[in-house]
Structure formats: structure tokens, C-alpha cells
């Protein structure tokens, strides 16, 4: 009791309490961001099955966190379309569909082409060096792509290469949309092409796009980028159709 009264009368203690609350809020925000990054990576890398129920108690136990930051992280993923929130049913991993993938491809082709044009127009020496360096790093791991232990470095460097191409674009919002669409595109590629032999030389496609961009040939660079995206899309559509046909034959 004595201690309680003493604290109540000591007004200078109030700012310290406020500061502590600020630290707690910052820590909570950091935890939410960490959870968001981990969940997002697991879903986009195909480690969580499309349509799977995200049980909060299981996730809380797996990550060793409370429900509050977990719900915040999942709500952020809902806003990105990676997780679906269902009334009275909680959260699920976003399902996949031909229609959704077609929409992702259409938007990615349009917006990333816009960003690439702007990047070619505005990019200087630093941008050129960034593209060349990103392509060089990607080439070094190209031969490891089909190996399980090498696929993750390739995925990271592949993303970095595409980011470098549009890196001089002057629209942060456009770049944000491009990054989200690229991640959604890559999710389908990982889910549906992981067990299929590629029918194309992706390394050559990357080199051609970079060469056109560095030569400031925007028309050719945009055309090659569009073809690059569409070829991946055709392969995914082919696998989706095979799976759909298999499901029909099994149910017949």
C-alpha cells in the first residue's frame, strides 16, 4: 500500500510509463512484421496448401506467439489476397484458380512493362550496373535451379533480377504493385511447375531482356519481358488443365 501511494504522488514517473508503453507497442509491431514475413514466405513458396485452414492455436504454438500479433499479421495477408478471411470460420490460405492466375498474368504484364519503360528512360549508370550485377549473380546459380538445395537461392536472385530491371522506375506505388503481382505469379509457378522439366532456356531469356534494356531499346525489352511472363503462364495453364482433366477422370 505504501508503495502504491508513493507512486501515485510522484508525477515524474508518468513519462517513464508512457515510454515503456511505446517500447511495448514497437516490440508488438516488430513481432507482427516478423510473423507476416514468415507466413507470407511459407504461402508463396508453396509450403502451405491452397485452401488450407489456418488454425490460430496451431500457428500460435508453432511460432510461440500470442493471438493478437498473429491476427494482425493474417489481416495484412488478407489485404494482399494471400489469405482469405471467412466470417465465423477464421482464416484460410488463398485458393488457386485458372481465372485468378489469368488476372495476375494480365496485370503483371501490363504494369511491369510500364515500370520497365520508365526504368529504361530514367536509369543511369548505377541502374545499369545493378542490372548487370543482378544478372551475373543469377547466372552463377542457374545450374542449381533444378536441385532442391539450389532452388531457393535461384528464387531469391531471380526476384532480385526482375527488381533490378525496374529499379529506376520513379513510381513507388507502381513498383509495389509489380512486386506483389510478381510474388503471386511465382506462387503459381512454384506450386505447379516444381515437378516438371522446363521446356525453355530461361537464362537466355533473362540475358535477352537485360541486353535490350541496357541498349535502351524499350520496345524490344518490353516485348521480351511480356513473352517471358507469358511462356511461364502457358506452362502453368497446361499443368492446371492436366490436373483438372485428371480430377474429372477420377470422379467419372
C-alpha atoms as a PDB file:
ATOM      1  CA  UNK A   1       0.000   0.000   0.000  1.00  0.00           C
ATOM      2  CA  UNK A   2       2.735   2.415   0.949  1.00  0.00           C
ATOM      3  CA  UNK A   3       4.488   1.853  -2.371  1.00  0.00           C
ATOM      4  CA  UNK A   4       1.282   2.346  -4.322  1.00  0.00           C
ATOM      5  CA  UNK A   5       0.566   5.707  -2.704  1.00  0.00           C
ATOM      6  CA  UNK A   6       4.141   6.827  -3.204  1.00  0.00           C
ATOM      7  CA  UNK A   7       3.950   6.093  -6.944  1.00  0.00           C
ATOM      8  CA  UNK A   8       0.653   7.897  -7.326  1.00  0.00           C
ATOM      9  CA  UNK A   9       2.093  11.066  -5.837  1.00  0.00           C
ATOM     10  CA  UNK A  10       5.299  11.030  -7.891  1.00  0.00           C
ATOM     11  CA  UNK A  11       4.229  12.766 -11.083  1.00  0.00           C
ATOM     12  CA  UNK A  12       7.578  12.491 -12.919  1.00  0.00           C
ATOM     13  CA  UNK A  13       7.014   8.715 -13.157  1.00  0.00           C
ATOM     14  CA  UNK A  14       4.243   9.225 -15.752  1.00  0.00           C
ATOM     15  CA  UNK A  15       6.548   9.921 -18.747  1.00  0.00           C
ATOM     16  CA  UNK A  16       8.571   6.792 -17.964  1.00  0.00           C
ATOM     17  CA  UNK A  17       5.387   4.727 -18.038  1.00  0.00           C
ATOM     18  CA  UNK A  18       4.413   6.261 -21.363  1.00  0.00           C
ATOM     19  CA  UNK A  19       7.828   5.469 -22.787  1.00  0.00           C
ATOM     20  CA  UNK A  20       7.542   1.863 -21.682  1.00  0.00           C
ATOM     21  CA  UNK A  21       4.172   1.579 -23.398  1.00  0.00           C
ATOM     22  CA  UNK A  22       5.759   2.969 -26.552  1.00  0.00           C
ATOM     23  CA  UNK A  23       8.511   0.340 -26.374  1.00  0.00           C
ATOM     24  CA  UNK A  24       5.908  -2.394 -25.961  1.00  0.00           C
ATOM     25  CA  UNK A  25       3.971  -1.118 -28.953  1.00  0.00           C
ATOM     26  CA  UNK A  26       7.139  -1.041 -31.043  1.00  0.00           C
ATOM     27  CA  UNK A  27       8.002  -4.589 -29.978  1.00  0.00           C
ATOM     28  CA  UNK A  28       4.489  -5.726 -30.881  1.00  0.00           C
ATOM     29  CA  UNK A  29       4.802  -4.103 -34.293  1.00  0.00           C
ATOM     30  CA  UNK A  30       8.131  -5.833 -34.909  1.00  0.00           C
ATOM     31  CA  UNK A  31       6.664  -9.209 -33.919  1.00  0.00           C
ATOM     32  CA  UNK A  32       3.695  -8.691 -36.250  1.00  0.00           C
ATOM     33  CA  UNK A  33       6.047  -7.808 -39.115  1.00  0.00           C
ATOM     34  CA  UNK A  34       8.149 -10.919 -38.447  1.00  0.00           C
ATOM     35  CA  UNK A  35       5.069 -13.152 -38.395  1.00  0.00           C
ATOM     36  CA  UNK A  36       3.792 -11.514 -41.569  1.00  0.00           C
ATOM     37  CA  UNK A  37       7.089 -12.174 -43.365  1.00  0.00           C
ATOM     38  CA  UNK A  38       7.259 -15.819 -42.239  1.00  0.00           C
ATOM     39  CA  UNK A  39       3.648 -16.650 -43.090  1.00  0.00           C
ATOM     40  CA  UNK A  40       3.860 -14.852 -46.410  1.00  0.00           C
ATOM     41  CA  UNK A  41       7.025 -16.739 -47.362  1.00  0.00           C
ATOM     42  CA  UNK A  42       5.540 -20.112 -46.433  1.00  0.00           C
ATOM     43  CA  UNK A  43       2.430 -19.491 -48.530  1.00  0.00           C
ATOM     44  CA  UNK A  44       4.200 -18.023 -51.572  1.00  0.00           C
ATOM     45  CA  UNK A  45       6.816 -20.784 -51.540  1.00  0.00           C
ATOM     46  CA  UNK A  46       4.075 -23.410 -51.638  1.00  0.00           C
ATOM     47  CA  UNK A  47       4.728 -24.819 -48.174  1.00  0.00           C
ATOM     48  CA  UNK A  48       1.103 -24.207 -47.212  1.00  0.00           C
ATOM     49  CA  UNK A  49      -1.540 -25.924 -49.327  1.00  0.00           C
ATOM     50  CA  UNK A  50      -4.002 -23.648 -51.163  1.00  0.00           C
ATOM     51  CA  UNK A  51      -7.326 -23.622 -49.325  1.00  0.00           C
ATOM     52  CA  UNK A  52      -5.790 -24.997 -46.104  1.00  0.00           C
ATOM     53  CA  UNK A  53      -7.344 -23.868 -42.831  1.00  0.00           C
ATOM     54  CA  UNK A  54      -5.043 -21.614 -40.788  1.00  0.00           C
ATOM     55  CA  UNK A  55      -5.782 -22.682 -37.234  1.00  0.00           C
ATOM     56  CA  UNK A  56      -4.757 -19.935 -34.838  1.00  0.00           C
ATOM     57  CA  UNK A  57      -3.943 -22.242 -31.942  1.00  0.00           C
ATOM     58  CA  UNK A  58      -1.649 -24.354 -34.119  1.00  0.00           C
ATOM     59  CA  UNK A  59       0.113 -21.285 -35.519  1.00  0.00           C
ATOM     60  CA  UNK A  60       0.432 -19.760 -32.063  1.00  0.00           C
ATOM     61  CA  UNK A  61       2.136 -22.914 -30.825  1.00  0.00           C
ATOM     62  CA  UNK A  62       4.392 -23.199 -33.871  1.00  0.00           C
ATOM     63  CA  UNK A  63       5.652 -19.634 -33.671  1.00  0.00           C
ATOM     64  CA  UNK A  64       5.454 -19.231 -29.893  1.00  0.00           C
ATOM     65  CA  UNK A  65       3.400 -16.020 -30.007  1.00  0.00           C
ATOM     66  CA  UNK A  66       0.130 -14.641 -28.672  1.00  0.00           C
ATOM     67  CA  UNK A  67      -3.022 -14.388 -30.768  1.00  0.00           C
ATOM     68  CA  UNK A  68      -3.010 -10.600 -31.154  1.00  0.00           C
ATOM     69  CA  UNK A  69       0.096 -10.179 -33.407  1.00  0.00           C
ATOM     70  CA  UNK A  70      -0.883 -13.367 -35.240  1.00  0.00           C
ATOM     71  CA  UNK A  71      -4.297 -11.962 -36.143  1.00  0.00           C
ATOM     72  CA  UNK A  72      -2.707  -8.673 -37.230  1.00  0.00           C
ATOM     73  CA  UNK A  73      -0.246 -10.482 -39.500  1.00  0.00           C
ATOM     74  CA  UNK A  74      -3.021 -12.579 -41.051  1.00  0.00           C
ATOM     75  CA  UNK A  75      -5.153  -9.480 -41.605  1.00  0.00           C
ATOM     76  CA  UNK A  76      -2.285  -7.902 -43.554  1.00  0.00           C
ATOM     77  CA  UNK A  77      -2.068 -11.022 -45.710  1.00  0.00           C
ATOM     78  CA  UNK A  78      -5.823 -10.842 -46.310  1.00  0.00           C
ATOM     79  CA  UNK A  79      -5.342  -7.333 -47.702  1.00  0.00           C
ATOM     80  CA  UNK A  80      -2.803  -8.761 -50.184  1.00  0.00           C
ATOM     81  CA  UNK A  81      -5.109 -11.576 -51.281  1.00  0.00           C
ATOM     82  CA  UNK A  82      -2.726 -14.259 -50.000  1.00  0.00           C
ATOM     83  CA  UNK A  83      -5.035 -15.270 -47.134  1.00  0.00           C
ATOM     84  CA  UNK A  84      -8.831 -15.347 -47.080  1.00  0.00           C
ATOM     85  CA  UNK A  85     -10.891 -14.351 -44.022  1.00  0.00           C
ATOM     86  CA  UNK A  86     -14.232 -16.130 -43.724  1.00  0.00           C
ATOM     87  CA  UNK A  87     -16.929 -14.938 -41.352  1.00  0.00           C
ATOM     88  CA  UNK A  88     -17.216 -17.264 -38.346  1.00  0.00           C
ATOM     89  CA  UNK A  89     -14.698 -19.649 -39.947  1.00  0.00           C
ATOM     90  CA  UNK A  90     -11.377 -17.875 -39.451  1.00  0.00           C
ATOM     91  CA  UNK A  91      -8.555 -17.740 -41.984  1.00  0.00           C
ATOM     92  CA  UNK A  92      -7.568 -19.973 -44.898  1.00  0.00           C
ATOM     93  CA  UNK A  93      -4.721 -19.977 -47.413  1.00  0.00           C
ATOM     94  CA  UNK A  94      -5.965 -18.334 -50.604  1.00  0.00           C
ATOM     95  CA  UNK A  95      -7.119 -20.940 -53.134  1.00  0.00           C
ATOM     96  CA  UNK A  96      -5.745 -21.094 -56.674  1.00  0.00           C
ATOM     97  CA  UNK A  97      -7.717 -20.980 -59.898  1.00  0.00           C
ATOM     98  CA  UNK A  98      -7.219 -20.525 -63.604  1.00  0.00           C
ATOM     99  CA  UNK A  99      -9.238 -17.296 -63.557  1.00  0.00           C
ATOM    100  CA  UNK A 100      -7.201 -15.791 -60.715  1.00  0.00           C
ATOM    101  CA  UNK A 101      -3.905 -16.738 -62.351  1.00  0.00           C
ATOM    102  CA  UNK A 102      -5.022 -15.257 -65.680  1.00  0.00           C
ATOM    103  CA  UNK A 103      -5.815 -11.999 -63.890  1.00  0.00           C
ATOM    104  CA  UNK A 104      -2.407 -11.959 -62.186  1.00  0.00           C
ATOM    105  CA  UNK A 105      -0.632 -12.542 -65.514  1.00  0.00           C
ATOM    106  CA  UNK A 106      -2.624  -9.843 -67.310  1.00  0.00           C
ATOM    107  CA  UNK A 107      -1.950  -7.244 -64.641  1.00  0.00           C
ATOM    108  CA  UNK A 108       1.697  -8.202 -64.145  1.00  0.00           C
ATOM    109  CA  UNK A 109       2.430  -7.990 -67.876  1.00  0.00           C
ATOM    110  CA  UNK A 110       0.783  -4.568 -68.127  1.00  0.00           C
ATOM    111  CA  UNK A 111       2.213  -2.963 -65.003  1.00  0.00           C
ATOM    112  CA  UNK A 112       5.718  -4.439 -65.111  1.00  0.00           C
ATOM    113  CA  UNK A 113       6.014  -3.327 -68.753  1.00  0.00           C
ATOM    114  CA  UNK A 114       5.104   0.210 -67.682  1.00  0.00           C
ATOM    115  CA  UNK A 115       7.706   0.105 -64.919  1.00  0.00           C
ATOM    116  CA  UNK A 116      10.376  -1.257 -67.267  1.00  0.00           C
ATOM    117  CA  UNK A 117       9.751   1.504 -69.828  1.00  0.00           C
ATOM    118  CA  UNK A 118      10.096   4.148 -67.138  1.00  0.00           C
ATOM    119  CA  UNK A 119      13.207   2.486 -65.745  1.00  0.00           C
ATOM    120  CA  UNK A 120      14.903   2.395 -69.157  1.00  0.00           C
ATOM    121  CA  UNK A 121      14.075   6.060 -69.708  1.00  0.00           C
ATOM    122  CA  UNK A 122      15.294   7.234 -66.306  1.00  0.00           C
ATOM    123  CA  UNK A 123      18.052   4.770 -65.442  1.00  0.00           C
ATOM    124  CA  UNK A 124      21.637   5.964 -65.253  1.00  0.00           C
ATOM    125  CA  UNK A 125      24.989   4.278 -64.718  1.00  0.00           C
ATOM    126  CA  UNK A 126      24.025   3.000 -61.272  1.00  0.00           C
ATOM    127  CA  UNK A 127      20.923   1.305 -62.674  1.00  0.00           C
ATOM    128  CA  UNK A 128      22.933  -0.302 -65.482  1.00  0.00           C
ATOM    129  CA  UNK A 129      25.487  -1.643 -63.007  1.00  0.00           C
ATOM    130  CA  UNK A 130      22.665  -3.018 -60.861  1.00  0.00           C
ATOM    131  CA  UNK A 131      21.103  -4.895 -63.791  1.00  0.00           C
ATOM    132  CA  UNK A 132      24.437  -6.364 -64.904  1.00  0.00           C
ATOM    133  CA  UNK A 133      25.318  -7.430 -61.338  1.00  0.00           C
ATOM    134  CA  UNK A 134      21.901  -8.986 -60.710  1.00  0.00           C
ATOM    135  CA  UNK A 135      22.082 -10.955 -63.960  1.00  0.00           C
ATOM    136  CA  UNK A 136      25.621 -12.149 -63.159  1.00  0.00           C
ATOM    137  CA  UNK A 137      24.565 -13.396 -59.718  1.00  0.00           C
ATOM    138  CA  UNK A 138      21.552 -15.178 -61.220  1.00  0.00           C
ATOM    139  CA  UNK A 139      23.687 -16.894 -63.881  1.00  0.00           C
ATOM    140  CA  UNK A 140      26.014 -18.278 -61.199  1.00  0.00           C
ATOM    141  CA  UNK A 141      23.189 -20.307 -59.626  1.00  0.00           C
ATOM    142  CA  UNK A 142      21.281 -21.140 -62.831  1.00  0.00           C
ATOM    143  CA  UNK A 143      22.660 -24.681 -62.983  1.00  0.00           C
ATOM    144  CA  UNK A 144      21.451 -25.345 -59.424  1.00  0.00           C
ATOM    145  CA  UNK A 145      17.853 -24.424 -60.127  1.00  0.00           C
ATOM    146  CA  UNK A 146      16.569 -27.971 -60.560  1.00  0.00           C
ATOM    147  CA  UNK A 147      18.295 -29.195 -57.396  1.00  0.00           C
ATOM    148  CA  UNK A 148      16.251 -28.911 -54.222  1.00  0.00           C
ATOM    149  CA  UNK A 149      19.097 -27.351 -52.241  1.00  0.00           C
ATOM    150  CA  UNK A 150      19.752 -24.827 -55.010  1.00  0.00           C
ATOM    151  CA  UNK A 151      16.235 -23.733 -55.854  1.00  0.00           C
ATOM    152  CA  UNK A 152      15.864 -21.238 -53.006  1.00  0.00           C
ATOM    153  CA  UNK A 153      18.968 -19.171 -53.890  1.00  0.00           C
ATOM    154  CA  UNK A 154      17.761 -19.137 -57.514  1.00  0.00           C
ATOM    155  CA  UNK A 155      14.301 -17.931 -56.482  1.00  0.00           C
ATOM    156  CA  UNK A 156      15.803 -15.091 -54.461  1.00  0.00           C
ATOM    157  CA  UNK A 157      18.210 -13.991 -57.190  1.00  0.00           C
ATOM    158  CA  UNK A 158      15.552 -14.350 -59.884  1.00  0.00           C
ATOM    159  CA  UNK A 159      13.355 -11.931 -57.949  1.00  0.00           C
ATOM    160  CA  UNK A 160      16.303  -9.553 -57.461  1.00  0.00           C
ATOM    161  CA  UNK A 161      16.999  -9.554 -61.212  1.00  0.00           C
ATOM    162  CA  UNK A 162      13.437  -8.535 -62.075  1.00  0.00           C
ATOM    163  CA  UNK A 163      13.539  -5.877 -59.360  1.00  0.00           C
ATOM    164  CA  UNK A 164      16.802  -4.524 -60.792  1.00  0.00           C
ATOM    165  CA  UNK A 165      15.279  -4.181 -64.259  1.00  0.00           C
ATOM    166  CA  UNK A 166      12.555  -1.850 -62.968  1.00  0.00           C
ATOM    167  CA  UNK A 167      14.722  -0.322 -60.260  1.00  0.00           C
ATOM    168  CA  UNK A 168      14.938   3.130 -61.868  1.00  0.00           C
ATOM    169  CA  UNK A 169      11.169   3.481 -62.188  1.00  0.00           C
ATOM    170  CA  UNK A 170      10.048   6.690 -60.478  1.00  0.00           C
ATOM    171  CA  UNK A 171       6.719   5.394 -59.130  1.00  0.00           C
ATOM    172  CA  UNK A 172       6.915   3.665 -55.720  1.00  0.00           C
ATOM    173  CA  UNK A 173       3.240   2.679 -55.934  1.00  0.00           C
ATOM    174  CA  UNK A 174       3.702   1.063 -59.342  1.00  0.00           C
ATOM    175  CA  UNK A 175       6.735  -0.821 -58.052  1.00  0.00           C
ATOM    176  CA  UNK A 176       4.742  -2.035 -55.051  1.00  0.00           C
ATOM    177  CA  UNK A 177       2.010  -3.413 -57.322  1.00  0.00           C
ATOM    178  CA  UNK A 178       4.624  -5.043 -59.555  1.00  0.00           C
ATOM    179  CA  UNK A 179       6.308  -6.756 -56.603  1.00  0.00           C
ATOM    180  CA  UNK A 180       3.006  -8.128 -55.277  1.00  0.00           C
ATOM    181  CA  UNK A 181       1.933  -9.431 -58.692  1.00  0.00           C
ATOM    182  CA  UNK A 182       5.353 -10.997 -59.271  1.00  0.00           C
ATOM    183  CA  UNK A 183       5.128 -12.794 -55.935  1.00  0.00           C
ATOM    184  CA  UNK A 184       1.641 -14.090 -56.764  1.00  0.00           C
ATOM    185  CA  UNK A 185       2.883 -15.204 -60.198  1.00  0.00           C
ATOM    186  CA  UNK A 186       5.812 -17.009 -58.581  1.00  0.00           C
ATOM    187  CA  UNK A 187       3.477 -18.765 -56.155  1.00  0.00           C
ATOM    188  CA  UNK A 188       1.658 -20.452 -59.041  1.00  0.00           C
ATOM    189  CA  UNK A 189       4.931 -21.308 -60.767  1.00  0.00           C
ATOM    190  CA  UNK A 190       6.288 -22.950 -57.627  1.00  0.00           C
ATOM    191  CA  UNK A 191       3.067 -24.835 -56.941  1.00  0.00           C
ATOM    192  CA  UNK A 192       2.530 -26.177 -60.441  1.00  0.00           C
ATOM    193  CA  UNK A 193       5.916 -26.349 -62.187  1.00  0.00           C
ATOM    194  CA  UNK A 194       8.162 -27.621 -59.394  1.00  0.00           C
ATOM    195  CA  UNK A 195       7.962 -31.232 -60.634  1.00  0.00           C
ATOM    196  CA  UNK A 196       8.055 -30.513 -64.365  1.00  0.00           C
ATOM    197  CA  UNK A 197      11.051 -30.287 -66.680  1.00  0.00           C
ATOM    198  CA  UNK A 198      11.263 -26.822 -68.208  1.00  0.00           C
ATOM    199  CA  UNK A 199      10.834 -26.620 -71.976  1.00  0.00           C
ATOM    200  CA  UNK A 200      12.842 -23.423 -72.396  1.00  0.00           C
ATOM    201  CA  UNK A 201      16.154 -21.725 -71.745  1.00  0.00           C
ATOM    202  CA  UNK A 202      15.197 -19.227 -69.074  1.00  0.00           C
ATOM    203  CA  UNK A 203      18.780 -17.992 -68.710  1.00  0.00           C
ATOM    204  CA  UNK A 204      18.826 -16.922 -72.360  1.00  0.00           C
ATOM    205  CA  UNK A 205      15.520 -15.103 -71.915  1.00  0.00           C
ATOM    206  CA  UNK A 206      16.924 -13.162 -68.973  1.00  0.00           C
ATOM    207  CA  UNK A 207      20.046 -12.247 -70.947  1.00  0.00           C
ATOM    208  CA  UNK A 208      17.973 -11.018 -73.909  1.00  0.00           C
ATOM    209  CA  UNK A 209      15.754  -8.843 -71.721  1.00  0.00           C
ATOM    210  CA  UNK A 210      18.794  -7.328 -69.980  1.00  0.00           C
ATOM    211  CA  UNK A 211      20.593  -6.702 -73.275  1.00  0.00           C
ATOM    212  CA  UNK A 212      17.596  -4.856 -74.732  1.00  0.00           C
ATOM    213  CA  UNK A 213      17.110  -2.809 -71.571  1.00  0.00           C
ATOM    214  CA  UNK A 214      20.776  -1.799 -71.384  1.00  0.00           C
ATOM    215  CA  UNK A 215      20.706  -0.886 -75.092  1.00  0.00           C
ATOM    216  CA  UNK A 216      17.789   1.443 -74.226  1.00  0.00           C
ATOM    217  CA  UNK A 217      15.555  -0.430 -76.668  1.00  0.00           C
ATOM    218  CA  UNK A 218      12.365  -0.124 -74.644  1.00  0.00           C
ATOM    219  CA  UNK A 219      10.100  -1.673 -77.290  1.00  0.00           C
ATOM    220  CA  UNK A 220      12.198  -4.814 -77.583  1.00  0.00           C
ATOM    221  CA  UNK A 221      12.758  -5.091 -73.825  1.00  0.00           C
ATOM    222  CA  UNK A 222       9.029  -4.818 -73.088  1.00  0.00           C
ATOM    223  CA  UNK A 223       8.171  -7.330 -75.816  1.00  0.00           C
ATOM    224  CA  UNK A 224      10.711  -9.835 -74.478  1.00  0.00           C
ATOM    225  CA  UNK A 225       9.520  -9.344 -70.910  1.00  0.00           C
ATOM    226  CA  UNK A 226       5.912  -9.971 -71.961  1.00  0.00           C
ATOM    227  CA  UNK A 227       6.905 -13.153 -73.812  1.00  0.00           C
ATOM    228  CA  UNK A 228       8.935 -14.280 -70.797  1.00  0.00           C
ATOM    229  CA  UNK A 229       5.942 -13.882 -68.471  1.00  0.00           C
ATOM    230  CA  UNK A 230       3.501 -15.452 -70.942  1.00  0.00           C
ATOM    231  CA  UNK A 231       5.654 -18.544 -71.523  1.00  0.00           C
ATOM    232  CA  UNK A 232       5.643 -19.301 -67.813  1.00  0.00           C
ATOM    233  CA  UNK A 233       1.888 -18.715 -67.770  1.00  0.00           C
ATOM    234  CA  UNK A 234       1.294 -21.174 -70.626  1.00  0.00           C
ATOM    235  CA  UNK A 235       3.214 -23.867 -68.753  1.00  0.00           C
ATOM    236  CA  UNK A 236       1.191 -23.280 -65.594  1.00  0.00           C
ATOM    237  CA  UNK A 237      -2.087 -23.335 -67.554  1.00  0.00           C
ATOM    238  CA  UNK A 238      -1.028 -26.626 -69.152  1.00  0.00           C
ATOM    239  CA  UNK A 239      -0.467 -28.228 -65.737  1.00  0.00           C
ATOM    240  CA  UNK A 240      -3.742 -26.807 -64.401  1.00  0.00           C
ATOM    241  CA  UNK A 241      -5.612 -28.327 -67.350  1.00  0.00           C
ATOM    242  CA  UNK A 242      -3.913 -31.706 -66.852  1.00  0.00           C
ATOM    243  CA  UNK A 243      -4.847 -31.707 -63.182  1.00  0.00           C
ATOM    244  CA  UNK A 244      -8.428 -30.714 -63.961  1.00  0.00           C
ATOM    245  CA  UNK A 245      -8.682 -33.491 -66.550  1.00  0.00           C
ATOM    246  CA  UNK A 246      -7.283 -35.981 -64.045  1.00  0.00           C
ATOM    247  CA  UNK A 247      -9.791 -34.913 -61.409  1.00  0.00           C
ATOM    248  CA  UNK A 248     -12.664 -35.367 -63.889  1.00  0.00           C
ATOM    249  CA  UNK A 249     -11.474 -38.841 -64.929  1.00  0.00           C
ATOM    250  CA  UNK A 250     -11.167 -39.937 -61.286  1.00  0.00           C
ATOM    251  CA  UNK A 251     -14.669 -38.744 -60.475  1.00  0.00           C
ATOM    252  CA  UNK A 252     -16.209 -40.402 -63.547  1.00  0.00           C
END
